[in-house]
């Protein structure tokens, strides 16, 4: 029987099951095995984090030490195709090295890319002054030998021309194949009944919540740079609640909140809107505007041509503010500072405008660069690797 294996370093949730196309592969009579190395690379995360929608996959193997991982790789036969859905780091280097040493066919799936900017000289000097030890550690880490690891994938599957262009340069002997992003997959496959879920709602805005207790903040994959902790509850939600009260008054829009799939919500901490779980695409498809900090779910806003409003606050971490500013800048916008802005109808009317050329460029760069895409990423992936199984 044909076999594929995934290497992962996070606890599996339903989102990954859908995005990786596990049900599709099983229908194609493909045996699936998942090797979870999170206890090795992210031990605190694996021990403490309990995702809200954890799935138990029958063929998931939890690998707790390097020896177990190496033994698992050595038992992979030549008929198994491997997907390395793990970050390249010092902790995972041995995985890439062992896979290539055994000459196992493997692939990367690159999706979810976002606009990035290099730090300015002023930013670098400021961070170096404020965090001298962390800066030295950061510089030293750059010299550790990762450049020759994981350089020989059979395939690299890329969503958007930015990933495609970068992969063409990095993996000259690999086959680079275009796919839609995971969010584009969902739009391709969704039925009209789901999209009409909020058709009869009063006009509303959607807020893409990050959650103050996002697991990547609580249990980062590596040392954060600059070194900052997770957001505190009041620091995160007080500015949001003050702003949303003013926003609703000025716009006369309802507010609907799209929950992030990973944080655990004990309650809805936003006082002025109902929270919805696993309904992001349905919410965005019928909304008037999308409010966000930074989220790949903005792909839906681009695909459905919805205006974007970016939000920051004074006491958010510098990383959160930097990410939001970079993303807003791509769309020729400036984030609304919830800590000091006197929000008005004039500001709202300005935020409702968007540049269709910029949206088109974003779609091609980061979502999909395939004309009239009608196949999900996992269908394209299956058709590409099938002859190697």
Protein backbone atom coordinates (compact mmCIF):
# COMPACT_ATOMS: atom_id res chain seq x y z
CA UNK A 1 0.00 0.00 0.00
CA UNK A 2 1.15 3.56 -0.72
CA UNK A 3 2.38 5.45 2.34
CA UNK A 4 3.10 9.02 3.41
CA UNK A 5 4.47 10.34 6.69
CA UNK A 6 4.29 13.79 8.27
CA UNK A 7 6.79 15.17 10.78
CA UNK A 8 5.17 17.77 13.05
CA UNK A 9 6.14 19.70 16.17
CA UNK A 10 2.77 20.82 17.49
CA UNK A 11 -0.25 19.07 18.97
CA UNK A 12 -2.57 18.09 16.15
CA UNK A 13 -5.83 19.99 15.91
CA UNK A 14 -8.66 19.73 13.42
CA UNK A 15 -7.29 22.70 11.46
CA UNK A 16 -4.18 20.70 10.54
CA UNK A 17 -6.23 17.64 9.65
CA UNK A 18 -8.19 19.73 7.13
CA UNK A 19 -5.22 21.71 5.81
CA UNK A 20 -2.98 18.70 5.30
CA UNK A 21 -5.78 16.91 3.46
CA UNK A 22 -5.65 13.81 5.67
CA UNK A 23 -9.21 12.72 4.82
CA UNK A 24 -8.48 13.17 1.11
CA UNK A 25 -5.35 10.99 1.30
CA UNK A 26 -7.21 8.30 3.22
CA UNK A 27 -9.92 8.23 0.53
CA UNK A 28 -7.13 7.67 -1.99
CA UNK A 29 -6.13 4.54 -0.02
CA UNK A 30 -2.92 6.11 1.27
CA UNK A 31 -1.54 4.92 4.60
CA UNK A 32 -0.68 7.88 6.83
CA UNK A 33 1.67 8.08 9.77
CA UNK A 34 2.43 11.22 11.78
CA UNK A 35 5.65 11.59 13.77
CA UNK A 36 5.27 14.26 16.45
CA UNK A 37 8.61 15.61 17.67
CA UNK A 38 7.17 18.38 19.88
CA UNK A 39 8.38 16.67 23.11
CA UNK A 40 11.94 17.04 21.74
CA UNK A 41 11.80 20.52 20.21
CA UNK A 42 9.09 22.19 22.34
CA UNK A 43 8.97 20.25 25.63
CA UNK A 44 7.28 22.95 27.74
CA UNK A 45 4.63 23.52 25.07
CA UNK A 46 3.97 19.78 24.73
CA UNK A 47 3.70 19.28 28.48
CA UNK A 48 1.51 22.29 29.35
CA UNK A 49 -0.53 23.29 26.30
CA UNK A 50 -3.94 21.68 25.91
CA UNK A 51 -5.48 22.82 22.59
CA UNK A 52 -9.25 23.31 22.49
CA UNK A 53 -9.79 20.99 19.52
CA UNK A 54 -7.07 18.35 19.84
CA UNK A 55 -7.55 15.34 17.58
CA UNK A 56 -6.33 11.82 18.22
CA UNK A 57 -5.00 10.45 14.96
CA UNK A 58 -4.65 6.64 15.10
CA UNK A 59 -1.23 6.60 13.46
CA UNK A 60 0.34 9.49 15.38
CA UNK A 61 3.63 8.48 16.99
CA UNK A 62 4.88 10.70 19.84
CA UNK A 63 8.69 10.80 19.78
CA UNK A 64 10.15 11.86 23.13
CA UNK A 65 13.89 11.81 22.46
CA UNK A 66 16.41 12.01 19.65
CA UNK A 67 17.13 8.28 19.63
CA UNK A 68 13.44 7.44 19.13
CA UNK A 69 13.27 9.94 16.26
CA UNK A 70 16.35 8.53 14.54
CA UNK A 71 15.05 4.96 14.94
CA UNK A 72 11.70 6.03 13.43
CA UNK A 73 13.46 7.57 10.43
CA UNK A 74 15.61 4.49 9.91
CA UNK A 75 12.46 2.36 9.77
CA UNK A 76 10.90 4.45 6.98
CA UNK A 77 10.95 2.37 3.80
CA UNK A 78 11.59 3.50 0.23
CA UNK A 79 7.85 3.48 -0.61
CA UNK A 80 7.04 6.16 1.96
CA UNK A 81 6.98 9.83 1.00
CA UNK A 82 7.72 12.28 3.84
CA UNK A 83 6.43 15.80 4.49
CA UNK A 84 8.61 17.84 6.85
CA UNK A 85 6.11 20.24 8.47
CA UNK A 86 8.69 21.40 11.01
CA UNK A 87 10.80 24.52 11.39
CA UNK A 88 14.47 24.37 10.51
CA UNK A 89 16.44 24.95 13.72
CA UNK A 90 19.32 23.62 15.77
CA UNK A 91 16.86 21.31 17.56
CA UNK A 92 15.50 19.83 14.32
CA UNK A 93 18.77 19.71 12.33
CA UNK A 94 19.30 16.03 13.13
CA UNK A 95 15.91 15.19 11.56
CA UNK A 96 16.82 16.80 8.24
CA UNK A 97 20.31 15.25 8.32
CA UNK A 98 19.03 11.74 9.04
CA UNK A 99 16.31 11.97 6.36
CA UNK A 100 18.87 12.95 3.73
CA UNK A 101 21.42 10.41 4.97
CA UNK A 102 18.88 7.64 4.36
CA UNK A 103 17.98 9.17 0.97
CA UNK A 104 14.27 9.38 1.82
CA UNK A 105 12.06 11.29 -0.62
CA UNK A 106 10.63 14.33 1.15
CA UNK A 107 8.85 17.61 0.46
CA UNK A 108 8.14 21.01 1.96
CA UNK A 109 4.76 22.75 1.82
CA UNK A 110 5.27 26.51 1.99
CA UNK A 111 2.12 28.52 2.64
CA UNK A 112 1.00 31.29 4.97
CA UNK A 113 3.72 33.72 3.92
CA UNK A 114 3.26 37.39 4.88
CA UNK A 115 4.98 40.67 3.98
CA UNK A 116 8.18 41.18 5.97
CA UNK A 117 10.64 44.04 6.34
CA UNK A 118 14.21 44.02 7.56
CA UNK A 119 14.87 46.06 10.68
CA UNK A 120 16.30 49.52 10.09
CA UNK A 121 19.76 50.45 11.39
CA UNK A 122 18.08 52.61 14.04
CA UNK A 123 15.94 49.65 15.22
CA UNK A 124 19.00 47.37 15.40
CA UNK A 125 21.02 49.92 17.41
CA UNK A 126 18.10 50.53 19.80
CA UNK A 127 17.53 46.80 20.41
CA UNK A 128 21.28 46.21 20.86
CA UNK A 129 21.40 48.95 23.49
CA UNK A 130 18.32 47.72 25.37
CA UNK A 131 19.12 43.99 25.16
CA UNK A 132 22.91 43.56 24.73
CA UNK A 133 23.13 39.92 25.88
CA UNK A 134 20.17 38.80 23.79
CA UNK A 135 21.69 40.59 20.78
CA UNK A 136 25.01 38.77 21.17
CA UNK A 137 23.20 35.43 21.49
CA UNK A 138 21.19 36.26 18.38
CA UNK A 139 24.33 37.06 16.37
CA UNK A 140 26.08 33.87 17.49
CA UNK A 141 23.06 31.76 16.61
CA UNK A 142 23.23 33.04 13.02
CA UNK A 143 26.63 31.38 12.62
CA UNK A 144 25.47 27.90 13.58
CA UNK A 145 25.52 25.58 10.60
CA UNK A 146 21.98 25.18 9.27
CA UNK A 147 22.73 26.16 5.69
CA UNK A 148 23.48 22.64 4.47
CA UNK A 149 20.54 20.92 6.15
CA UNK A 150 17.32 20.10 4.36
CA UNK A 151 18.56 21.24 0.97
CA UNK A 152 17.46 18.25 -1.13
CA UNK A 153 13.66 17.99 -1.12
CA UNK A 154 12.12 16.11 -4.03
CA UNK A 155 9.35 18.74 -4.18
CA UNK A 156 8.64 22.15 -2.75
CA UNK A 157 4.96 23.11 -2.90
CA UNK A 158 4.48 26.89 -2.78
CA UNK A 159 1.48 29.16 -2.26
CA UNK A 160 2.09 32.52 -3.93
CA UNK A 161 4.86 33.79 -6.15
CA UNK A 162 6.98 35.06 -3.22
CA UNK A 163 7.47 31.53 -1.85
CA UNK A 164 7.84 30.24 -5.42
CA UNK A 165 10.56 32.75 -6.33
CA UNK A 166 12.48 32.19 -3.07
CA UNK A 167 12.27 28.39 -3.43
CA UNK A 168 13.50 28.52 -7.03
CA UNK A 169 16.66 30.22 -5.76
CA UNK A 170 17.14 28.02 -2.68
CA UNK A 171 16.31 24.57 -4.07
CA UNK A 172 17.82 24.50 -7.56
CA UNK A 173 17.60 20.70 -7.91
CA UNK A 174 14.06 20.32 -6.60
CA UNK A 175 10.75 20.47 -8.42
CA UNK A 176 8.91 23.64 -7.37
CA UNK A 177 5.13 23.39 -7.76
CA UNK A 178 2.48 26.09 -7.29
CA UNK A 179 -0.45 25.45 -4.96
CA UNK A 180 -3.19 27.60 -3.38
CA UNK A 181 -2.78 28.67 0.25
CA UNK A 182 -4.70 26.73 2.90
CA UNK A 183 -7.20 29.59 3.17
CA UNK A 184 -7.69 29.57 -0.59
CA UNK A 185 -8.32 25.80 -0.34
CA UNK A 186 -11.20 26.54 2.01
CA UNK A 187 -12.73 29.07 -0.37
CA UNK A 188 -12.41 26.61 -3.28
CA UNK A 189 -14.18 23.85 -1.34
CA UNK A 190 -16.81 25.74 0.62
CA UNK A 191 -20.47 25.40 -0.34
CA UNK A 192 -22.90 28.29 -0.80
CA UNK A 193 -24.99 27.24 2.19
CA UNK A 194 -22.06 27.81 4.53
CA UNK A 195 -21.21 31.13 2.91
CA UNK A 196 -24.79 32.32 3.44
CA UNK A 197 -24.74 31.59 7.17
CA UNK A 198 -24.66 35.31 8.05
CA UNK A 199 -26.47 36.58 4.96
CA UNK A 200 -29.42 37.98 6.93
CA UNK A 201 -27.41 39.50 9.77
CA UNK A 202 -27.44 43.21 10.51
CA UNK A 203 -24.40 44.90 8.90
CA UNK A 204 -21.32 43.94 10.90
CA UNK A 205 -17.55 44.13 11.22
CA UNK A 206 -15.37 41.08 11.92
CA UNK A 207 -12.50 41.15 14.41
CA UNK A 208 -9.83 38.48 13.92
CA UNK A 209 -8.84 37.69 17.49
CA UNK A 210 -5.28 36.61 18.29
CA UNK A 211 -5.96 35.90 21.95
CA UNK A 212 -3.70 37.22 24.67
CA UNK A 213 -2.72 33.63 25.58
CA UNK A 214 -1.70 32.40 22.14
CA UNK A 215 0.46 29.26 22.60
CA UNK A 216 3.26 30.61 20.38
CA UNK A 217 3.64 33.48 22.86
CA UNK A 218 3.32 31.33 25.97
CA UNK A 219 5.62 28.59 24.66
CA UNK A 220 7.76 30.08 21.85
CA UNK A 221 9.71 27.75 19.56
CA UNK A 222 12.91 29.62 20.39
CA UNK A 223 14.06 32.62 22.35
CA UNK A 224 12.00 35.65 21.44
CA UNK A 225 13.95 38.58 20.03
CA UNK A 226 13.79 41.12 21.43
CA UNK A 227 13.07 39.20 24.66
CA UNK A 228 9.46 39.94 25.59
CA UNK A 229 6.87 37.91 27.44
CA UNK A 230 3.30 37.14 26.45
CA UNK A 231 0.69 39.88 26.67
CA UNK A 232 -1.03 40.30 30.01
CA UNK A 233 -4.81 39.99 30.06
CA UNK A 234 -5.69 43.63 30.80
CA UNK A 235 -2.95 44.96 28.52
CA UNK A 236 -4.51 43.04 25.65
CA UNK A 237 -8.24 43.43 26.25
CA UNK A 238 -8.71 46.85 27.87
CA UNK A 239 -7.70 48.85 24.76
CA UNK A 240 -9.79 46.56 22.58
CA UNK A 241 -12.93 47.00 24.67
CA UNK A 242 -12.52 50.77 24.88
CA UNK A 243 -11.97 51.00 21.13
CA UNK A 244 -14.83 48.68 20.14
CA UNK A 245 -17.29 50.65 22.26
CA UNK A 246 -16.36 53.78 20.30
CA UNK A 247 -16.21 51.92 16.97
CA UNK A 248 -19.74 50.51 17.28
CA UNK A 249 -21.12 53.90 18.32
CA UNK A 250 -19.53 55.65 15.33
CA UNK A 251 -20.33 53.07 12.66
CA UNK A 252 -23.63 51.55 13.84
CA UNK A 253 -22.19 48.16 12.87
CA UNK A 254 -22.50 45.01 14.92
CA UNK A 255 -19.26 43.32 15.92
CA UNK A 256 -18.63 39.60 15.38
CA UNK A 257 -15.45 38.01 16.68
CA UNK A 258 -13.66 35.22 14.83
CA UNK A 259 -11.91 33.11 17.47
CA UNK A 260 -8.36 31.97 16.83
CA UNK A 261 -8.21 28.14 16.63
CA UNK A 262 -5.34 27.67 19.11
CA UNK A 263 -5.87 29.76 22.29
CA UNK A 264 -8.23 28.37 24.94
CA UNK A 265 -11.20 30.65 25.57
CA UNK A 266 -12.66 30.37 29.07
CA UNK A 267 -15.00 33.24 28.21
CA UNK A 268 -15.46 35.97 25.64
CA UNK A 269 -13.35 38.81 27.03
CA UNK A 270 -14.60 41.29 24.45
CA UNK A 271 -17.71 42.98 25.79
CA UNK A 272 -19.25 44.24 22.57
CA UNK A 273 -19.64 41.27 20.25
CA UNK A 274 -20.40 37.58 20.03
CA UNK A 275 -17.51 35.17 19.52
CA UNK A 276 -17.70 32.46 16.85
CA UNK A 277 -15.55 29.35 16.59
CA UNK A 278 -14.51 27.80 13.26
CA UNK A 279 -16.61 30.29 11.30
CA UNK A 280 -13.96 32.72 10.01
CA UNK A 281 -14.59 32.35 6.27
CA UNK A 282 -18.36 32.51 6.75
CA UNK A 283 -18.03 35.66 8.86
CA UNK A 284 -15.69 37.47 6.47
CA UNK A 285 -17.65 36.61 3.33
CA UNK A 286 -20.61 38.76 4.42
CA UNK A 287 -18.97 41.43 6.59
CA UNK A 288 -18.46 45.13 5.83
CA UNK A 289 -14.87 45.39 7.15
CA UNK A 290 -12.23 43.19 8.82
CA UNK A 291 -10.41 44.42 11.95
CA UNK A 292 -7.10 42.73 12.78
CA UNK A 293 -3.55 42.91 14.08
CA UNK A 294 -1.80 40.26 12.03
CA UNK A 295 -3.42 37.05 10.84
CA UNK A 296 -3.18 34.83 7.76
CA UNK A 297 -7.00 34.81 7.88
CA UNK A 298 -6.77 38.17 6.12
CA UNK A 299 -6.42 35.94 3.03
CA UNK A 300 -10.20 35.60 3.18
CA UNK A 301 -10.57 39.39 3.23
CA UNK A 302 -8.44 39.63 0.09
CA UNK A 303 -10.32 36.81 -1.65
CA UNK A 304 -13.70 38.38 -0.81
CA UNK A 305 -12.50 41.96 -1.42
CA UNK A 306 -13.18 43.28 2.09
CA UNK A 307 -11.60 46.45 3.56
CA UNK A 308 -8.99 46.00 6.29
CA UNK A 309 -8.45 48.03 9.47
CA UNK A 310 -5.25 47.33 11.40
CA UNK A 311 -5.13 47.82 15.18
CA UNK A 312 -2.27 48.42 17.64
CA UNK A 313 -2.04 49.66 21.24
CA UNK A 314 0.73 51.36 23.21
CA UNK A 315 1.36 48.47 25.61
CA UNK A 316 1.42 45.67 23.07
CA UNK A 317 4.79 43.98 22.57
CA UNK A 318 7.15 45.54 20.08
CA UNK A 319 6.92 42.37 17.98
CA UNK A 320 3.12 42.61 17.71
CA UNK A 321 3.28 46.29 16.79
CA UNK A 322 6.07 45.72 14.27
CA UNK A 323 4.21 42.85 12.55
CA UNK A 324 1.03 44.92 12.37
CA UNK A 325 2.83 47.99 11.03
CA UNK A 326 4.63 45.95 8.36
CA UNK A 327 1.41 44.37 7.19
CA UNK A 328 -0.51 47.65 7.16
CA UNK A 329 2.29 49.29 5.21
CA UNK A 330 1.90 46.75 2.41
CA UNK A 331 -1.67 48.01 1.95
CA UNK A 332 -0.60 51.69 2.20
CA UNK A 333 -2.37 51.99 5.54
CA UNK A 334 -1.41 53.07 9.04
CA UNK A 335 -2.68 51.06 12.03
CA UNK A 336 -5.24 52.66 14.31
CA UNK A 337 -3.66 53.17 17.73
CA UNK A 338 -6.45 52.15 20.10
CA UNK A 339 -4.70 53.79 23.04
CA UNK A 340 -5.00 57.36 21.82
CA UNK A 341 -7.11 57.60 18.69
CA UNK A 342 -10.33 59.61 18.79
CA UNK A 343 -12.17 57.34 16.38
CA UNK A 344 -14.66 59.05 14.11
CA UNK A 345 -16.92 58.48 11.12
CA UNK A 346 -14.33 60.26 8.96
CA UNK A 347 -11.64 57.77 9.98
CA UNK A 348 -14.00 54.88 9.33
CA UNK A 349 -14.92 56.15 5.86
CA UNK A 350 -11.21 56.36 5.03
CA UNK A 351 -10.59 52.83 6.31
CA UNK A 352 -13.41 51.48 4.14
CA UNK A 353 -11.42 52.31 1.01
CA UNK A 354 -8.94 49.83 -0.47
CA UNK A 355 -6.69 49.57 -3.49
CA UNK A 356 -7.74 46.73 -5.80
CA UNK A 357 -4.29 46.61 -7.44
CA UNK A 358 -2.63 46.07 -4.04
CA UNK A 359 -5.16 43.34 -3.23
CA UNK A 360 -4.40 41.66 -6.55
CA UNK A 361 -0.64 41.84 -5.88
CA UNK A 362 -1.09 40.43 -2.37
CA UNK A 363 -3.18 37.56 -3.72
CA UNK A 364 -0.51 36.63 -6.28
CA UNK A 365 2.40 37.12 -3.87
CA UNK A 366 1.05 35.29 -0.83
CA UNK A 367 -2.18 33.36 -1.57
CA UNK A 368 -2.27 31.84 -5.03
CA UNK A 369 -0.50 32.47 -8.33
CA UNK A 370 -2.56 29.99 -10.36
CA UNK A 371 -5.06 31.25 -12.89
CA UNK A 372 -8.61 30.17 -11.99
CA UNK A 373 -7.58 27.72 -9.24
CA UNK A 374 -10.10 24.91 -8.86
CA UNK A 375 -8.06 22.26 -7.06
CA UNK A 376 -7.11 22.32 -3.39
CA UNK A 377 -3.44 22.17 -2.44
CA UNK A 378 -3.66 18.56 -1.25
CA UNK A 379 -5.13 17.46 -4.60
CA UNK A 380 -2.20 19.04 -6.47
CA UNK A 381 0.23 17.52 -3.95
CA UNK A 382 -1.29 14.05 -4.35
CA UNK A 383 -1.18 14.22 -8.15
CA UNK A 384 2.48 15.29 -7.98
CA UNK A 385 3.78 12.66 -5.55
CA UNK A 386 1.54 9.75 -6.60
CA UNK A 387 4.09 8.38 -9.07
CA UNK A 388 6.73 8.38 -6.31
CA UNK A 389 4.62 6.23 -3.97
